[in-house]
Protein backbone atom coordinates (compact mmCIF):
# COMPACT_ATOMS: atom_id res chain seq x y z
CA MET A 1 -22.55 181.74 106.34
CA ILE A 2 -19.06 181.03 104.96
CA ARG A 3 -19.24 179.95 101.24
CA ASN A 4 -15.91 181.11 100.07
CA ILE A 5 -12.26 180.24 101.24
CA ILE A 6 -9.66 182.58 99.98
CA PHE A 7 -6.02 181.34 100.24
CA ASP A 8 -2.75 183.23 100.37
CA ILE A 9 -0.37 181.18 98.33
CA GLY A 10 3.06 181.97 99.97
CA ASN A 11 3.60 179.93 103.18
CA VAL A 12 -0.05 178.71 103.18
CA LEU A 13 -0.29 176.35 100.17
CA ALA A 14 3.19 176.76 99.09
CA ASP A 15 6.35 176.88 101.31
CA PHE A 16 8.97 179.63 100.63
CA CYS A 17 12.01 177.64 101.98
CA TRP A 18 14.93 179.95 101.14
CA LYS A 19 17.35 178.41 103.75
CA ASP A 20 16.79 174.80 102.50
CA PHE A 21 17.09 176.02 98.97
CA PHE A 22 20.44 177.80 99.63
CA MET A 23 21.72 174.78 101.64
CA GLY A 24 20.87 172.57 98.71
CA PHE A 25 23.76 174.22 96.77
CA GLY A 26 26.19 173.36 99.56
CA TYR A 27 26.08 176.70 101.26
CA GLU A 28 26.11 177.08 105.04
CA GLY A 29 27.32 179.16 108.00
CA GLU A 30 28.86 182.55 107.25
CA ILE A 31 28.39 182.47 103.48
CA LEU A 32 24.63 181.39 103.99
CA GLU A 33 24.10 184.43 106.01
CA LYS A 34 25.89 186.63 103.39
CA LEU A 35 23.63 185.21 100.60
CA ALA A 36 20.49 185.87 102.68
CA ALA A 37 21.56 189.44 103.61
CA ALA A 38 22.07 190.11 99.89
CA THR A 39 18.88 188.61 98.76
CA VAL A 40 15.84 187.44 100.90
CA LYS A 41 16.79 189.81 103.76
CA SER A 42 17.43 192.75 101.65
CA SER A 43 15.01 195.55 100.67
CA MET A 44 15.24 194.37 97.02
CA TRP A 45 13.28 191.20 97.95
CA ASP A 46 10.19 193.30 97.97
CA GLU A 47 10.52 193.63 94.29
CA VAL A 48 10.15 189.82 94.02
CA ASP A 49 6.66 190.09 95.54
CA ARG A 50 5.75 193.05 93.13
CA GLY A 51 6.88 191.16 90.10
CA VAL A 52 8.13 194.45 88.70
CA LEU A 53 11.74 193.40 87.84
CA SER A 54 12.89 190.74 85.45
CA ASP A 55 14.94 187.83 86.72
CA GLU A 56 18.01 189.39 85.22
CA GLU A 57 17.44 192.69 86.90
CA LEU A 58 16.86 191.03 90.32
CA VAL A 59 20.04 189.03 89.95
CA GLU A 60 22.12 192.18 89.11
CA GLY A 61 20.65 193.93 92.04
CA PHE A 62 21.48 191.16 94.37
CA ILE A 63 25.07 191.08 93.01
CA ASN A 64 25.31 194.82 93.77
CA ASN A 65 24.48 194.12 97.30
CA GLU A 66 27.26 191.61 97.54
CA PRO A 67 29.77 191.71 94.79
CA SER A 68 31.99 189.24 96.24
CA LEU A 69 29.37 186.40 95.83
CA GLU A 70 28.56 187.03 92.15
CA LYS A 71 29.39 183.57 91.20
CA GLU A 72 27.33 182.02 93.90
CA LEU A 73 24.33 184.35 93.42
CA ARG A 74 24.19 183.72 89.61
CA ARG A 75 24.29 180.03 90.34
CA ILE A 76 21.47 180.09 92.84
CA PHE A 77 19.29 182.34 90.83
CA GLU A 78 19.41 180.32 87.74
CA ASN A 79 16.45 178.64 89.25
CA VAL A 80 14.89 181.35 91.50
CA HIS A 81 11.52 179.44 91.53
CA GLY A 82 13.09 176.45 93.20
CA MET A 83 12.67 178.22 96.61
CA VAL A 84 8.95 177.69 96.32
CA VAL A 85 7.67 174.11 97.25
CA LYS A 86 4.04 173.19 97.17
CA ARG A 87 2.83 171.92 100.67
CA GLU A 88 1.80 168.21 100.58
CA TYR A 89 -1.43 169.07 102.02
CA ALA A 90 -2.41 171.72 99.38
CA ILE A 91 -4.37 169.84 96.77
CA PRO A 92 -6.12 167.24 99.31
CA TRP A 93 -7.08 170.32 101.51
CA ILE A 94 -8.64 172.18 98.62
CA ARG A 95 -10.46 169.01 97.36
CA LYS A 96 -11.82 168.46 100.70
CA PHE A 97 -13.26 172.14 100.95
CA LYS A 98 -14.70 171.77 97.29
CA GLU A 99 -16.36 168.49 98.25
CA ALA A 100 -17.91 170.05 101.22
CA GLY A 101 -19.47 172.65 98.80
CA TYR A 102 -17.14 175.63 99.48
CA HIS A 103 -15.62 177.61 96.59
CA CYS A 104 -11.83 178.29 96.68
CA TYR A 105 -9.99 181.21 95.55
CA TYR A 106 -6.48 182.54 95.71
CA LEU A 107 -5.22 186.06 96.50
CA SER A 108 -1.46 186.51 96.55
CA ASN A 109 1.69 188.51 96.17
CA PHE A 110 3.41 185.30 95.41
CA SER A 111 3.48 186.62 91.99
CA ARG A 112 6.56 186.46 89.65
CA LYS A 113 5.93 184.84 86.43
CA ALA A 114 8.53 182.33 86.85
CA HIS A 115 6.85 181.18 90.02
CA THR A 116 3.40 181.02 88.55
CA GLU A 117 4.63 178.67 85.77
CA CYS A 118 6.27 176.57 88.15
CA ALA A 119 3.88 173.62 87.91
CA ASP A 120 5.43 171.68 90.98
CA ALA A 121 4.62 174.47 93.13
CA LEU A 122 1.32 175.88 91.85
CA ASP A 123 -0.63 172.99 90.19
CA PHE A 124 -3.32 173.56 92.83
CA LEU A 125 -4.52 176.50 91.11
CA GLU A 126 -6.51 174.32 88.55
CA TYR A 127 -8.77 173.20 91.65
CA MET A 128 -9.70 176.74 92.40
CA GLU A 129 -12.47 178.84 91.04
CA GLY A 130 -10.02 181.82 90.42
CA GLY A 131 -8.25 184.67 92.20
CA ILE A 132 -5.63 187.37 91.91
CA LEU A 133 -1.76 187.31 91.35
CA SER A 134 -0.10 190.69 91.63
CA TYR A 135 1.98 190.37 88.39
CA ARG A 136 -1.29 189.96 86.42
CA ASP A 137 -3.43 192.55 88.13
CA LYS A 138 -0.84 195.02 89.25
CA LEU A 139 -2.07 195.20 92.66
CA ILE A 140 -0.36 194.09 95.85
CA LYS A 141 -1.64 193.21 99.40
CA PRO A 142 -2.45 194.76 101.77
CA ASP A 143 -3.75 197.41 99.28
CA ARG A 144 -7.62 197.39 99.82
CA ALA A 145 -8.18 197.38 96.15
CA VAL A 146 -6.85 193.76 95.92
CA TYR A 147 -9.69 192.54 98.00
CA GLU A 148 -12.23 194.77 96.46
CA LEU A 149 -11.23 193.44 92.99
CA LEU A 150 -11.40 189.80 94.14
CA LEU A 151 -15.14 190.42 95.42
CA ASP A 152 -16.19 192.33 92.37
CA ARG A 153 -14.51 190.02 89.81
CA TYR A 154 -16.30 186.84 91.07
CA GLY A 155 -19.47 188.46 92.42
CA LEU A 156 -18.58 187.28 96.12
CA LYS A 157 -20.26 188.81 99.29
CA ALA A 158 -17.66 189.74 101.89
CA GLN A 159 -19.56 188.28 104.75
CA GLU A 160 -19.45 184.81 103.02
CA CYS A 161 -15.77 184.73 102.71
CA VAL A 162 -12.80 183.84 104.97
CA PHE A 163 -9.32 184.76 103.97
CA LEU A 164 -6.15 182.79 105.15
CA ASP A 165 -2.91 184.73 105.31
CA ASP A 166 0.52 184.21 107.00
CA THR A 167 1.18 187.82 107.29
CA GLU A 168 -0.70 189.83 109.93
CA LYS A 169 -0.57 193.27 107.86
CA ASN A 170 -2.73 191.79 105.12
CA LEU A 171 -5.70 190.98 107.32
CA PRO A 172 -7.07 194.44 108.39
CA PRO A 173 -7.99 195.72 105.02
CA ALA A 174 -10.05 192.39 104.41
CA GLU A 175 -11.59 192.73 107.74
CA ALA A 176 -12.63 196.45 106.88
CA LEU A 177 -14.59 195.10 104.04
CA GLY A 178 -16.34 192.39 106.19
CA ILE A 179 -14.23 189.49 105.20
CA HIS A 180 -13.59 186.97 107.97
CA THR A 181 -9.84 186.31 108.44
CA ILE A 182 -7.60 183.91 109.90
CA LEU A 183 -3.80 184.39 110.65
CA PHE A 184 -2.37 181.18 109.33
CA ARG A 185 0.38 179.55 111.39
CA ASP A 186 -0.31 175.85 110.55
CA LYS A 187 -3.04 173.71 108.92
CA ALA A 188 -4.38 172.04 112.11
CA ARG A 189 -4.80 175.47 113.85
CA ALA A 190 -6.42 176.83 110.80
CA GLU A 191 -9.03 174.04 110.56
CA LYS A 192 -9.95 174.61 114.18
CA GLU A 193 -10.38 178.42 113.55
CA LEU A 194 -12.41 177.56 110.36
CA GLU A 195 -14.63 175.34 112.48
CA VAL A 196 -15.41 178.13 114.89
CA LEU A 197 -16.59 180.22 111.74
CA GLY A 198 -18.76 177.30 110.92
CA VAL A 199 -16.79 175.88 108.15
CA HIS A 200 -17.15 172.00 108.24
CA MET A 201 -15.44 169.59 105.81
CA ASP A 202 -17.21 166.36 106.89
């Protein structure tokens, strides 16, 4: 029986919308593609998830990728957490699970301190029992240790948990521990798959 719902944050409860964010500054076309190549599509972007580098170090790295766009990159990344927007359904969905008797947790590489302090994007955390953010616990999905730590920290039984993540590579380590998994594509589809697992919110 499923008792615990574990959510990835990025692209499940919060939307990572870099294109909309960049376009909000008036950038489009060729310059938009150059900005993306220097940042979100570069190998350096992994360091955002890892929470290893400071904002300043990240920006300098992006500028090194595309020196001709220094002015634009500095402007954009004065507010890097602006790329993260809470999905409208996030809090109502979590409340619905809780009212149905399920415990909700988060487990995410969506981790930089600037992001976790962004109340507009992450104010749903207060409705959860707890969870893991990589910058706090120094563990990054899909490392099996992330899932083991979550189970141990909150005394959870793997077979009583279901984990929703939008990234396929993050699911096998959870499944190896006996956690049920759902590859998140949209809320409606996830609800149907949860129902198959016996999760009902009525």
